[in-house]
Amino acid sequence: MKAREPRLLLTTSPFIKSPQDTRFIMWQVNYALVPVILAGIYYFGLNAVLIILVSLAGALLPEWLWSRRQSHPVNTVRDGSAVITGLLFALTLPPGIPLWMAFLGGTVSVVLGKIIFGGLGYNIFNPALVGRAFLQAAFPVSMTTWIPYATPENVFHIRGDLLTFPFMKPRMDALSAATPLARMKFESQLTRLTDLLLGSTAGSLGETAAFIIILAGVYLGLRGVINWRIPVGIVATVFLLAALLHWVDGTRYPAPWFHVFAGGLMLGAVFMATDPVTSPITQKGVWIFSIGVGLLVVIIRIWGGLPEGVMYSILLMNAVTPLINKMVRPRIYGMREKSGR
């Protein structure tokens, strides 16, 4: 005879269970990155394939070694977090960067961006951006040297300085190109909106096809994987501030659509700023965070020394996130707020 189920089941919190665990969320993001990766491969050919593979190897190796050294070994590689780090880091790189730098940056992303803080869930900064910031500081020339997108004739050719030996002076490709943001900042030349949407411009692997990134963001938002308020808040802030500047002086400041679709804003807003570990936990805090990122992006792009500011904007707001969480901490249910007396 089967035992009867208890009518009243008493357990400890949390009482509301969700089918979306860490592994589910991480792999959903990885799936959403596939079209973005394919766009990068379409525009930069074999270069993109090699850089992505090497960056993944650099991110997965320390993650696997670290998981093996734990007192209770758990294969954290399977949860997909290190895969996300490797892929996002690769998408921030120029398509002609030496492969050994890509591997080194992928390793730094995981070691300094995550493991040093105690692993997934404890990191303060977005790991992929930590790796890119390291390369930006250590190898600024390689990180700001761009090659044109591939043509059918050279799509299977290795271009740029991919095969340069470690710590040897790279051989700069004679055929280089400026990114849309660099052309605007230093030459006052705008790039067509269609080129920005479709990705037929020079830039990092993930600056291609803003339209595809938007579709990926819509997918993640509908699946409940990311907080839609973050990309919406960032894009709206950039658009409104850029529109105000353009209204003040249209000959000096570009139209708002240019700031929204140029550079790495879409990639950063959809895939990096939405990292649940490094973004605020309250909805009010999320709006403060996203507005802060958008403001910093425009400030750095317009008045900073570099044409792009998405990386630094997200990292700076990552650092402020603990303070935001403290400032907008909600009142505990059943507790009264302290009076001013």
C-alpha atoms as a PDB file:
ATOM      1  CA  MET A   1       0.000   0.000   0.000  1.00  0.00           C
ATOM      2  CA  LYS A   2       1.391   3.379  -1.006  1.00  0.00           C
ATOM      3  CA  ALA A   3       1.958   5.941   1.681  1.00  0.00           C
ATOM      4  CA  ARG A   4      -0.330   8.936   1.483  1.00  0.00           C
ATOM      5  CA  GLU A   5       1.218  12.248   0.479  1.00  0.00           C
ATOM      6  CA  PRO A   6       1.192  14.797   3.303  1.00  0.00           C
ATOM      7  CA  ARG A   7      -1.417  17.491   2.925  1.00  0.00           C
ATOM      8  CA  LEU A   8       0.884  20.080   4.451  1.00  0.00           C
ATOM      9  CA  LEU A   9       4.537  20.096   3.417  1.00  0.00           C
ATOM     10  CA  LEU A  10       6.871  22.296   5.446  1.00  0.00           C
ATOM     11  CA  THR A  11      10.246  23.175   3.919  1.00  0.00           C
ATOM     12  CA  THR A  12      12.797  25.942   4.111  1.00  0.00           C
ATOM     13  CA  SER A  13      12.943  28.811   1.644  1.00  0.00           C
ATOM     14  CA  PRO A  14      13.044  29.483  -1.232  1.00  0.00           C
ATOM     15  CA  PHE A  15       9.519  28.266  -1.845  1.00  0.00           C
ATOM     16  CA  ILE A  16       9.190  29.418  -5.465  1.00  0.00           C
ATOM     17  CA  LYS A  17      11.235  27.221  -7.779  1.00  0.00           C
ATOM     18  CA  SER A  18      12.335  28.169 -11.279  1.00  0.00           C
ATOM     19  CA  PRO A  19      13.204  25.721 -14.060  1.00  0.00           C
ATOM     20  CA  GLN A  20      15.882  28.170 -15.256  1.00  0.00           C
ATOM     21  CA  ASP A  21      19.131  27.223 -13.584  1.00  0.00           C
ATOM     22  CA  THR A  22      22.599  28.658 -14.237  1.00  0.00           C
ATOM     23  CA  ARG A  23      23.397  26.147 -16.949  1.00  0.00           C
ATOM     24  CA  PHE A  24      20.152  26.854 -18.810  1.00  0.00           C
ATOM     25  CA  ILE A  25      20.724  30.614 -18.761  1.00  0.00           C
ATOM     26  CA  MET A  26      24.358  30.385 -19.836  1.00  0.00           C
ATOM     27  CA  TRP A  27      23.683  28.107 -22.778  1.00  0.00           C
ATOM     28  CA  GLN A  28      20.746  30.235 -23.918  1.00  0.00           C
ATOM     29  CA  VAL A  29      23.162  33.158 -24.176  1.00  0.00           C
ATOM     30  CA  ASN A  30      25.618  30.963 -26.075  1.00  0.00           C
ATOM     31  CA  TYR A  31      22.892  29.947 -28.516  1.00  0.00           C
ATOM     32  CA  ALA A  32      21.976  33.605 -29.042  1.00  0.00           C
ATOM     33  CA  LEU A  33      25.616  34.378 -29.819  1.00  0.00           C
ATOM     34  CA  VAL A  34      25.732  31.880 -32.700  1.00  0.00           C
ATOM     35  CA  PRO A  35      24.216  34.246 -35.328  1.00  0.00           C
ATOM     36  CA  VAL A  36      26.561  37.030 -34.193  1.00  0.00           C
ATOM     37  CA  ILE A  37      29.530  34.685 -34.534  1.00  0.00           C
ATOM     38  CA  LEU A  38      28.402  33.570 -37.972  1.00  0.00           C
ATOM     39  CA  ALA A  39      28.138  37.204 -39.054  1.00  0.00           C
ATOM     40  CA  GLY A  40      31.696  37.822 -37.860  1.00  0.00           C
ATOM     41  CA  ILE A  41      32.913  34.780 -39.788  1.00  0.00           C
ATOM     42  CA  TYR A  42      31.019  35.911 -42.885  1.00  0.00           C
ATOM     43  CA  TYR A  43      32.699  39.317 -42.859  1.00  0.00           C
ATOM     44  CA  PHE A  44      36.199  38.369 -41.678  1.00  0.00           C
ATOM     45  CA  GLY A  45      36.538  34.788 -42.881  1.00  0.00           C
ATOM     46  CA  LEU A  46      39.252  32.476 -41.582  1.00  0.00           C
ATOM     47  CA  ASN A  47      40.617  35.172 -39.280  1.00  0.00           C
ATOM     48  CA  ALA A  48      37.416  35.162 -37.258  1.00  0.00           C
ATOM     49  CA  VAL A  49      37.345  31.368 -36.978  1.00  0.00           C
ATOM     50  CA  LEU A  50      40.901  31.161 -35.660  1.00  0.00           C
ATOM     51  CA  ILE A  51      40.513  34.042 -33.201  1.00  0.00           C
ATOM     52  CA  ILE A  52      37.302  32.594 -31.773  1.00  0.00           C
ATOM     53  CA  LEU A  53      38.785  29.114 -31.357  1.00  0.00           C
ATOM     54  CA  VAL A  54      41.974  30.396 -29.712  1.00  0.00           C
ATOM     55  CA  SER A  55      40.052  32.730 -27.383  1.00  0.00           C
ATOM     56  CA  LEU A  56      37.806  29.845 -26.351  1.00  0.00           C
ATOM     57  CA  ALA A  57      40.829  27.675 -25.615  1.00  0.00           C
ATOM     58  CA  GLY A  58      42.375  30.438 -23.519  1.00  0.00           C
ATOM     59  CA  ALA A  59      39.182  30.783 -21.469  1.00  0.00           C
ATOM     60  CA  LEU A  60      38.359  27.080 -21.061  1.00  0.00           C
ATOM     61  CA  LEU A  61      41.815  25.889 -20.021  1.00  0.00           C
ATOM     62  CA  PRO A  62      42.096  27.833 -16.722  1.00  0.00           C
ATOM     63  CA  GLU A  63      38.430  27.171 -15.947  1.00  0.00           C
ATOM     64  CA  TRP A  64      39.006  23.421 -16.295  1.00  0.00           C
ATOM     65  CA  LEU A  65      42.225  23.486 -14.248  1.00  0.00           C
ATOM     66  CA  TRP A  66      40.574  25.540 -11.503  1.00  0.00           C
ATOM     67  CA  SER A  67      37.561  23.238 -11.281  1.00  0.00           C
ATOM     68  CA  ARG A  68      39.873  20.231 -10.914  1.00  0.00           C
ATOM     69  CA  ARG A  69      41.689  21.773  -7.942  1.00  0.00           C
ATOM     70  CA  GLN A  70      38.572  22.295  -5.829  1.00  0.00           C
ATOM     71  CA  SER A  71      38.061  20.223  -2.663  1.00  0.00           C
ATOM     72  CA  HIS A  72      34.844  18.933  -4.255  1.00  0.00           C
ATOM     73  CA  PRO A  73      35.655  18.925  -7.986  1.00  0.00           C
ATOM     74  CA  VAL A  74      32.787  20.083 -10.176  1.00  0.00           C
ATOM     75  CA  ASN A  75      33.122  20.411 -13.934  1.00  0.00           C
ATOM     76  CA  THR A  76      32.160  24.071 -14.208  1.00  0.00           C
ATOM     77  CA  VAL A  77      33.096  24.044 -17.891  1.00  0.00           C
ATOM     78  CA  ARG A  78      29.770  22.367 -18.616  1.00  0.00           C
ATOM     79  CA  ASP A  79      27.685  25.236 -17.258  1.00  0.00           C
ATOM     80  CA  GLY A  80      28.692  27.347 -20.252  1.00  0.00           C
ATOM     81  CA  SER A  81      29.931  30.403 -18.323  1.00  0.00           C
ATOM     82  CA  ALA A  82      33.526  30.034 -19.523  1.00  0.00           C
ATOM     83  CA  VAL A  83      32.250  29.512 -23.074  1.00  0.00           C
ATOM     84  CA  ILE A  84      30.366  32.808 -22.867  1.00  0.00           C
ATOM     85  CA  THR A  85      33.482  34.552 -21.606  1.00  0.00           C
ATOM     86  CA  GLY A  86      35.617  33.157 -24.428  1.00  0.00           C
ATOM     87  CA  LEU A  87      33.081  33.976 -27.133  1.00  0.00           C
ATOM     88  CA  LEU A  88      32.333  37.497 -25.923  1.00  0.00           C
ATOM     89  CA  PHE A  89      36.007  38.241 -25.487  1.00  0.00           C
ATOM     90  CA  ALA A  90      36.724  37.058 -29.043  1.00  0.00           C
ATOM     91  CA  LEU A  91      33.949  39.271 -30.395  1.00  0.00           C
ATOM     92  CA  THR A  92      35.632  42.344 -28.883  1.00  0.00           C
ATOM     93  CA  LEU A  93      38.924  41.732 -30.704  1.00  0.00           C
ATOM     94  CA  PRO A  94      40.211  43.204 -33.973  1.00  0.00           C
ATOM     95  CA  PRO A  95      40.164  40.601 -36.769  1.00  0.00           C
ATOM     96  CA  GLY A  96      43.913  40.931 -37.348  1.00  0.00           C
ATOM     97  CA  ILE A  97      45.217  40.531 -33.798  1.00  0.00           C
ATOM     98  CA  PRO A  98      47.995  37.932 -33.187  1.00  0.00           C
ATOM     99  CA  LEU A  99      46.572  34.617 -32.019  1.00  0.00           C
ATOM    100  CA  TRP A 100      48.839  34.420 -28.990  1.00  0.00           C
ATOM    101  CA  MET A 101      47.329  37.683 -27.719  1.00  0.00           C
ATOM    102  CA  ALA A 102      43.840  36.251 -28.160  1.00  0.00           C
ATOM    103  CA  PHE A 103      44.818  33.177 -26.131  1.00  0.00           C
ATOM    104  CA  LEU A 104      46.454  35.304 -23.427  1.00  0.00           C
ATOM    105  CA  GLY A 105      43.453  37.594 -23.219  1.00  0.00           C
ATOM    106  CA  GLY A 106      41.050  34.669 -22.925  1.00  0.00           C
ATOM    107  CA  THR A 107      43.091  33.289 -20.039  1.00  0.00           C
ATOM    108  CA  VAL A 108      43.226  36.669 -18.291  1.00  0.00           C
ATOM    109  CA  SER A 109      39.453  37.024 -18.713  1.00  0.00           C
ATOM    110  CA  VAL A 110      38.802  33.905 -16.659  1.00  0.00           C
ATOM    111  CA  VAL A 111      41.697  34.136 -14.183  1.00  0.00           C
ATOM    112  CA  LEU A 112      41.555  37.855 -13.327  1.00  0.00           C
ATOM    113  CA  GLY A 113      37.927  38.380 -14.224  1.00  0.00           C
ATOM    114  CA  LYS A 114      36.383  35.439 -12.381  1.00  0.00           C
ATOM    115  CA  ILE A 115      38.611  32.886 -10.639  1.00  0.00           C
ATOM    116  CA  ILE A 116      40.497  35.436  -8.544  1.00  0.00           C
ATOM    117  CA  PHE A 117      37.179  36.542  -7.020  1.00  0.00           C
ATOM    118  CA  GLY A 118      36.119  32.989  -6.172  1.00  0.00           C
ATOM    119  CA  GLY A 119      34.418  31.796  -9.341  1.00  0.00           C
ATOM    120  CA  LEU A 120      31.068  32.336 -10.995  1.00  0.00           C
ATOM    121  CA  GLY A 121      28.746  34.528  -8.974  1.00  0.00           C
ATOM    122  CA  TYR A 122      31.479  36.340  -7.052  1.00  0.00           C
ATOM    123  CA  ASN A 123      33.136  38.394  -9.770  1.00  0.00           C
ATOM    124  CA  ILE A 124      32.703  42.168  -9.697  1.00  0.00           C
ATOM    125  CA  PHE A 125      33.504  42.951 -13.323  1.00  0.00           C
ATOM    126  CA  ASN A 126      32.419  41.374 -16.581  1.00  0.00           C
ATOM    127  CA  PRO A 127      35.191  38.801 -17.248  1.00  0.00           C
ATOM    128  CA  ALA A 128      35.320  39.272 -21.029  1.00  0.00           C
ATOM    129  CA  LEU A 129      35.784  43.021 -20.640  1.00  0.00           C
ATOM    130  CA  VAL A 130      38.517  42.470 -18.055  1.00  0.00           C
ATOM    131  CA  GLY A 131      40.451  40.482 -20.653  1.00  0.00           C
ATOM    132  CA  ARG A 132      39.940  43.122 -23.300  1.00  0.00           C
ATOM    133  CA  ALA A 133      40.949  45.924 -20.941  1.00  0.00           C
ATOM    134  CA  PHE A 134      44.142  44.006 -20.177  1.00  0.00           C
ATOM    135  CA  LEU A 135      45.032  43.716 -23.856  1.00  0.00           C
ATOM    136  CA  GLN A 136      44.072  47.334 -24.453  1.00  0.00           C
ATOM    137  CA  ALA A 137      46.565  48.429 -21.794  1.00  0.00           C
ATOM    138  CA  ALA A 138      49.310  45.931 -22.693  1.00  0.00           C
ATOM    139  CA  PHE A 139      49.113  45.988 -26.500  1.00  0.00           C
ATOM    140  CA  PRO A 140      47.356  49.211 -27.548  1.00  0.00           C
ATOM    141  CA  VAL A 141      48.697  49.210 -31.118  1.00  0.00           C
ATOM    142  CA  SER A 142      47.451  45.702 -31.917  1.00  0.00           C
ATOM    143  CA  MET A 143      44.104  46.472 -30.274  1.00  0.00           C
ATOM    144  CA  THR A 144      43.568  49.543 -32.428  1.00  0.00           C
ATOM    145  CA  THR A 145      44.757  48.166 -35.784  1.00  0.00           C
ATOM    146  CA  TRP A 146      41.903  47.155 -38.068  1.00  0.00           C
ATOM    147  CA  ILE A 147      41.666  45.342 -41.383  1.00  0.00           C
ATOM    148  CA  PRO A 148      38.848  45.600 -43.953  1.00  0.00           C
ATOM    149  CA  TYR A 149      36.176  42.944 -44.064  1.00  0.00           C
ATOM    150  CA  ALA A 150      36.943  39.960 -46.239  1.00  0.00           C
ATOM    151  CA  THR A 151      36.072  39.594 -49.905  1.00  0.00           C
ATOM    152  CA  PRO A 152      35.228  36.337 -51.706  1.00  0.00           C
ATOM    153  CA  GLU A 153      38.819  36.230 -52.964  1.00  0.00           C
ATOM    154  CA  ASN A 154      40.508  36.344 -49.528  1.00  0.00           C
ATOM    155  CA  VAL A 155      37.886  34.895 -47.184  1.00  0.00           C
ATOM    156  CA  PHE A 156      40.064  31.793 -46.629  1.00  0.00           C
ATOM    157  CA  HIS A 157      43.304  33.774 -46.354  1.00  0.00           C
ATOM    158  CA  ILE A 158      45.008  34.644 -43.066  1.00  0.00           C
ATOM    159  CA  ARG A 159      45.284  38.407 -42.996  1.00  0.00           C
ATOM    160  CA  GLY A 160      46.879  40.796 -40.542  1.00  0.00           C
ATOM    161  CA  ASP A 161      49.297  39.642 -37.825  1.00  0.00           C
ATOM    162  CA  LEU A 162      47.593  36.442 -36.654  1.00  0.00           C
ATOM    163  CA  LEU A 163      50.715  34.276 -36.908  1.00  0.00           C
ATOM    164  CA  THR A 164      53.154  36.712 -35.271  1.00  0.00           C
ATOM    165  CA  PHE A 165      55.365  34.994 -32.663  1.00  0.00           C
ATOM    166  CA  PRO A 166      54.735  35.891 -29.007  1.00  0.00           C
ATOM    167  CA  PHE A 167      56.264  39.178 -27.849  1.00  0.00           C
ATOM    168  CA  MET A 168      57.685  39.858 -31.300  1.00  0.00           C
ATOM    169  CA  LYS A 169      56.928  43.175 -32.959  1.00  0.00           C
ATOM    170  CA  PRO A 170      53.907  42.577 -35.191  1.00  0.00           C
ATOM    171  CA  ARG A 171      54.067  43.319 -38.886  1.00  0.00           C
ATOM    172  CA  MET A 172      51.320  45.824 -39.558  1.00  0.00           C
ATOM    173  CA  ASP A 173      49.188  44.933 -42.543  1.00  0.00           C
ATOM    174  CA  ALA A 174      49.661  47.425 -45.341  1.00  0.00           C
ATOM    175  CA  LEU A 175      45.925  47.375 -46.003  1.00  0.00           C
ATOM    176  CA  SER A 176      44.204  48.808 -42.944  1.00  0.00           C
ATOM    177  CA  ALA A 177      40.847  50.437 -42.324  1.00  0.00           C
ATOM    178  CA  ALA A 178      39.266  52.835 -39.839  1.00  0.00           C
ATOM    179  CA  THR A 179      36.204  51.976 -37.801  1.00  0.00           C
ATOM    180  CA  PRO A 180      33.059  54.091 -38.228  1.00  0.00           C
ATOM    181  CA  LEU A 181      33.636  55.731 -34.833  1.00  0.00           C
ATOM    182  CA  ALA A 182      37.260  56.557 -35.679  1.00  0.00           C
ATOM    183  CA  ARG A 183      36.243  58.017 -39.042  1.00  0.00           C
ATOM    184  CA  MET A 184      33.652  60.176 -37.318  1.00  0.00           C
ATOM    185  CA  LYS A 185      35.915  61.327 -34.493  1.00  0.00           C
ATOM    186  CA  PHE A 186      39.073  62.032 -36.463  1.00  0.00           C
ATOM    187  CA  GLU A 187      37.806  62.631 -40.009  1.00  0.00           C
ATOM    188  CA  SER A 188      34.215  63.836 -39.418  1.00  0.00           C
ATOM    189  CA  GLN A 189      32.882  61.250 -41.869  1.00  0.00           C
ATOM    190  CA  LEU A 190      29.645  59.369 -41.235  1.00  0.00           C
ATOM    191  CA  THR A 191      29.036  55.733 -42.172  1.00  0.00           C
ATOM    192  CA  ARG A 192      25.792  54.773 -43.862  1.00  0.00           C
ATOM    193  CA  LEU A 193      23.073  53.369 -41.629  1.00  0.00           C
ATOM    194  CA  THR A 194      22.669  50.279 -43.827  1.00  0.00           C
ATOM    195  CA  ASP A 195      26.366  49.448 -43.439  1.00  0.00           C
ATOM    196  CA  LEU A 196      26.098  49.723 -39.643  1.00  0.00           C
ATOM    197  CA  LEU A 197      22.984  47.555 -39.502  1.00  0.00           C
ATOM    198  CA  LEU A 198      24.336  44.870 -41.836  1.00  0.00           C
ATOM    199  CA  GLY A 199      27.918  44.945 -40.553  1.00  0.00           C
ATOM    200  CA  SER A 200      29.858  45.731 -43.708  1.00  0.00           C
ATOM    201  CA  THR A 201      32.320  47.975 -41.855  1.00  0.00           C
ATOM    202  CA  ALA A 202      35.739  47.674 -40.241  1.00  0.00           C
ATOM    203  CA  GLY A 203      35.821  46.952 -36.544  1.00  0.00           C
ATOM    204  CA  SER A 204      35.930  44.128 -34.033  1.00  0.00           C
ATOM    205  CA  LEU A 205      34.355  40.759 -34.767  1.00  0.00           C
ATOM    206  CA  GLY A 206      31.252  41.663 -32.746  1.00  0.00           C
ATOM    207  CA  GLU A 207      30.703  45.120 -34.225  1.00  0.00           C
ATOM    208  CA  THR A 208      29.213  43.537 -37.321  1.00  0.00           C
ATOM    209  CA  ALA A 209      25.504  43.335 -38.049  1.00  0.00           C
ATOM    210  CA  ALA A 210      23.810  45.395 -35.327  1.00  0.00           C
ATOM    211  CA  PHE A 211      20.485  44.125 -36.652  1.00  0.00           C
ATOM    212  CA  ILE A 212      21.422  40.528 -35.806  1.00  0.00           C
ATOM    213  CA  ILE A 213      22.438  41.533 -32.288  1.00  0.00           C
ATOM    214  CA  ILE A 214      19.069  43.259 -31.831  1.00  0.00           C
ATOM    215  CA  LEU A 215      17.261  40.062 -32.833  1.00  0.00           C
ATOM    216  CA  ALA A 216      19.421  38.072 -30.404  1.00  0.00           C
ATOM    217  CA  GLY A 217      18.533  40.532 -27.645  1.00  0.00           C
ATOM    218  CA  VAL A 218      14.823  40.208 -28.387  1.00  0.00           C
ATOM    219  CA  TYR A 219      15.153  36.414 -28.163  1.00  0.00           C
ATOM    220  CA  LEU A 220      16.944  36.572 -24.804  1.00  0.00           C
ATOM    221  CA  GLY A 221      14.426  39.081 -23.468  1.00  0.00           C
ATOM    222  CA  LEU A 222      11.447  36.947 -24.468  1.00  0.00           C
ATOM    223  CA  ARG A 223      13.057  33.910 -22.868  1.00  0.00           C
ATOM    224  CA  GLY A 224      13.538  35.845 -19.663  1.00  0.00           C
ATOM    225  CA  VAL A 225      17.295  35.257 -19.746  1.00  0.00           C
ATOM    226  CA  ILE A 226      18.289  38.930 -19.596  1.00  0.00           C
ATOM    227  CA  ASN A 227      16.682  41.944 -17.979  1.00  0.00           C
ATOM    228  CA  TRP A 228      15.320  43.887 -20.941  1.00  0.00           C
ATOM    229  CA  ARG A 229      15.503  47.140 -18.970  1.00  0.00           C
ATOM    230  CA  ILE A 230      19.305  47.230 -19.207  1.00  0.00           C
ATOM    231  CA  PRO A 231      19.723  47.309 -23.026  1.00  0.00           C
ATOM    232  CA  VAL A 232      16.635  49.507 -23.400  1.00  0.00           C
ATOM    233  CA  GLY A 233      17.920  51.954 -20.790  1.00  0.00           C
ATOM    234  CA  ILE A 234      21.404  52.109 -22.307  1.00  0.00           C
ATOM    235  CA  VAL A 235      20.214  52.572 -25.890  1.00  0.00           C
ATOM    236  CA  ALA A 236      17.552  55.131 -24.887  1.00  0.00           C
ATOM    237  CA  THR A 237      20.069  57.161 -22.868  1.00  0.00           C
ATOM    238  CA  VAL A 238      22.616  57.171 -25.701  1.00  0.00           C
ATOM    239  CA  PHE A 239      19.933  58.090 -28.238  1.00  0.00           C
ATOM    240  CA  LEU A 240      18.456  60.947 -26.188  1.00  0.00           C
ATOM    241  CA  LEU A 241      21.797  62.467 -25.190  1.00  0.00           C
ATOM    242  CA  ALA A 242      23.162  62.159 -28.735  1.00  0.00           C
ATOM    243  CA  ALA A 243      19.941  63.694 -30.109  1.00  0.00           C
ATOM    244  CA  LEU A 244      20.309  66.652 -27.720  1.00  0.00           C
ATOM    245  CA  LEU A 245      23.911  67.230 -28.798  1.00  0.00           C
ATOM    246  CA  HIS A 246      22.985  66.893 -32.462  1.00  0.00           C
ATOM    247  CA  TRP A 247      20.208  69.428 -31.961  1.00  0.00           C
ATOM    248  CA  VAL A 248      22.658  71.858 -30.362  1.00  0.00           C
ATOM    249  CA  ASP A 249      25.244  71.528 -33.161  1.00  0.00           C
ATOM    250  CA  GLY A 250      24.419  69.160 -35.998  1.00  0.00           C
ATOM    251  CA  THR A 251      27.671  69.892 -37.821  1.00  0.00           C
ATOM    252  CA  ARG A 252      29.834  68.817 -34.880  1.00  0.00           C
ATOM    253  CA  TYR A 253      27.869  66.000 -33.285  1.00  0.00           C
ATOM    254  CA  PRO A 254      26.550  63.048 -35.343  1.00  0.00           C
ATOM    255  CA  ALA A 255      22.935  61.957 -35.472  1.00  0.00           C
ATOM    256  CA  PRO A 256      21.722  59.738 -32.616  1.00  0.00           C
ATOM    257  CA  TRP A 257      21.225  56.684 -34.824  1.00  0.00           C
ATOM    258  CA  PHE A 258      24.958  56.702 -35.539  1.00  0.00           C
ATOM    259  CA  HIS A 259      25.891  56.381 -31.849  1.00  0.00           C
ATOM    260  CA  VAL A 260      23.334  53.627 -31.331  1.00  0.00           C
ATOM    261  CA  PHE A 261      24.416  51.359 -34.176  1.00  0.00           C
ATOM    262  CA  ALA A 262      28.132  52.177 -34.477  1.00  0.00           C
ATOM    263  CA  GLY A 263      30.857  50.443 -32.501  1.00  0.00           C
ATOM    264  CA  GLY A 264      30.215  47.896 -29.785  1.00  0.00           C
ATOM    265  CA  LEU A 265      27.191  49.518 -28.141  1.00  0.00           C
ATOM    266  CA  MET A 266      24.722  46.844 -29.211  1.00  0.00           C
ATOM    267  CA  LEU A 267      27.026  43.969 -28.261  1.00  0.00           C
ATOM    268  CA  GLY A 268      27.798  45.542 -24.899  1.00  0.00           C
ATOM    269  CA  ALA A 269      24.214  46.495 -24.096  1.00  0.00           C
ATOM    270  CA  VAL A 270      22.713  43.111 -24.972  1.00  0.00           C
ATOM    271  CA  PHE A 271      25.378  40.612 -23.918  1.00  0.00           C
ATOM    272  CA  MET A 272      27.748  42.303 -21.428  1.00  0.00           C
ATOM    273  CA  ALA A 273      25.882  44.894 -19.401  1.00  0.00           C
ATOM    274  CA  THR A 274      23.107  42.349 -18.785  1.00  0.00           C
ATOM    275  CA  ASP A 275      25.417  39.999 -16.870  1.00  0.00           C
ATOM    276  CA  PRO A 276      23.277  39.197 -13.794  1.00  0.00           C
ATOM    277  CA  VAL A 277      26.342  38.882 -11.558  1.00  0.00           C
ATOM    278  CA  THR A 278      27.779  42.334 -12.291  1.00  0.00           C
ATOM    279  CA  SER A 279      24.535  44.332 -12.667  1.00  0.00           C
ATOM    280  CA  PRO A 280      22.179  45.603  -9.915  1.00  0.00           C
ATOM    281  CA  ILE A 281      19.629  43.294  -8.360  1.00  0.00           C
ATOM    282  CA  THR A 282      16.709  45.727  -8.107  1.00  0.00           C
ATOM    283  CA  GLN A 283      14.726  47.208 -10.978  1.00  0.00           C
ATOM    284  CA  LYS A 284      15.375  50.760  -9.762  1.00  0.00           C
ATOM    285  CA  GLY A 285      19.069  49.982  -9.556  1.00  0.00           C
ATOM    286  CA  VAL A 286      18.981  48.530 -13.073  1.00  0.00           C
ATOM    287  CA  TRP A 287      17.670  51.806 -14.473  1.00  0.00           C
ATOM    288  CA  ILE A 288      20.373  53.774 -12.633  1.00  0.00           C
ATOM    289  CA  PHE A 289      23.004  51.357 -13.941  1.00  0.00           C
ATOM    290  CA  SER A 290      21.822  51.485 -17.563  1.00  0.00           C
ATOM    291  CA  ILE A 291      21.515  55.281 -17.601  1.00  0.00           C
ATOM    292  CA  GLY A 292      25.031  55.543 -16.151  1.00  0.00           C
ATOM    293  CA  VAL A 293      26.437  53.287 -18.875  1.00  0.00           C
ATOM    294  CA  GLY A 294      24.705  55.282 -21.602  1.00  0.00           C
ATOM    295  CA  LEU A 295      25.941  58.621 -20.249  1.00  0.00           C
ATOM    296  CA  LEU A 296      29.527  57.401 -20.001  1.00  0.00           C
ATOM    297  CA  VAL A 297      29.462  55.979 -23.523  1.00  0.00           C
ATOM    298  CA  VAL A 298      28.504  59.322 -25.048  1.00  0.00           C
ATOM    299  CA  ILE A 299      30.892  61.307 -22.837  1.00  0.00           C
ATOM    300  CA  ILE A 300      33.874  59.118 -23.739  1.00  0.00           C
ATOM    301  CA  ARG A 301      33.009  59.006 -27.427  1.00  0.00           C
ATOM    302  CA  ILE A 302      32.519  62.767 -27.754  1.00  0.00           C
ATOM    303  CA  TRP A 303      35.062  64.225 -25.340  1.00  0.00           C
ATOM    304  CA  GLY A 304      37.411  61.323 -24.599  1.00  0.00           C
ATOM    305  CA  GLY A 305      40.666  60.484 -26.317  1.00  0.00           C
ATOM    306  CA  LEU A 306      39.370  57.183 -27.695  1.00  0.00           C
ATOM    307  CA  PRO A 307      36.611  56.860 -30.297  1.00  0.00           C
ATOM    308  CA  GLU A 308      34.893  54.036 -28.361  1.00  0.00           C
ATOM    309  CA  GLY A 309      33.796  53.941 -24.731  1.00  0.00           C
ATOM    310  CA  VAL A 310      31.498  50.952 -24.234  1.00  0.00           C
ATOM    311  CA  MET A 311      34.103  48.778 -22.481  1.00  0.00           C
ATOM    312  CA  TYR A 312      35.140  51.414 -19.943  1.00  0.00           C
ATOM    313  CA  SER A 313      31.542  52.502 -19.354  1.00  0.00           C
ATOM    314  CA  ILE A 314      30.372  49.009 -18.405  1.00  0.00           C
ATOM    315  CA  LEU A 315      33.442  48.307 -16.254  1.00  0.00           C
ATOM    316  CA  LEU A 316      33.034  51.605 -14.379  1.00  0.00           C
ATOM    317  CA  MET A 317      29.362  50.920 -13.706  1.00  0.00           C
ATOM    318  CA  ASN A 318      30.242  47.356 -12.648  1.00  0.00           C
ATOM    319  CA  ALA A 319      32.425  48.941  -9.969  1.00  0.00           C
ATOM    320  CA  VAL A 320      29.526  51.160  -8.839  1.00  0.00           C
ATOM    321  CA  THR A 321      26.990  48.314  -8.769  1.00  0.00           C
ATOM    322  CA  PRO A 322      27.578  47.364  -5.080  1.00  0.00           C
ATOM    323  CA  LEU A 323      26.955  50.993  -4.120  1.00  0.00           C
ATOM    324  CA  ILE A 324      23.803  51.101  -6.247  1.00  0.00           C
ATOM    325  CA  ASN A 325      22.534  47.920  -4.573  1.00  0.00           C
ATOM    326  CA  LYS A 326      23.136  49.488  -1.159  1.00  0.00           C
ATOM    327  CA  MET A 327      21.458  52.785  -2.046  1.00  0.00           C
ATOM    328  CA  VAL A 328      18.274  51.297  -3.513  1.00  0.00           C
ATOM    329  CA  ARG A 329      17.952  48.364  -1.142  1.00  0.00           C
ATOM    330  CA  PRO A 330      14.208  47.701  -0.748  1.00  0.00           C
ATOM    331  CA  ARG A 331      12.483  47.808   2.612  1.00  0.00           C
ATOM    332  CA  ILE A 332      12.184  44.440   4.310  1.00  0.00           C
ATOM    333  CA  TYR A 333       8.623  43.179   4.269  1.00  0.00           C
ATOM    334  CA  GLY A 334       6.939  43.899   7.590  1.00  0.00           C
ATOM    335  CA  MET A 335       9.589  46.398   8.743  1.00  0.00           C
ATOM    336  CA  ARG A 336       8.971  50.121   9.155  1.00  0.00           C
ATOM    337  CA  GLU A 337      11.364  52.727   7.848  1.00  0.00           C
ATOM    338  CA  LYS A 338      13.258  54.653  10.492  1.00  0.00           C
ATOM    339  CA  SER A 339      11.828  58.074  11.234  1.00  0.00           C
ATOM    340  CA  GLY A 340      13.937  61.201  10.931  1.00  0.00           C
ATOM    341  CA  ARG A 341      13.821  61.800  14.684  1.00  0.00           C
END
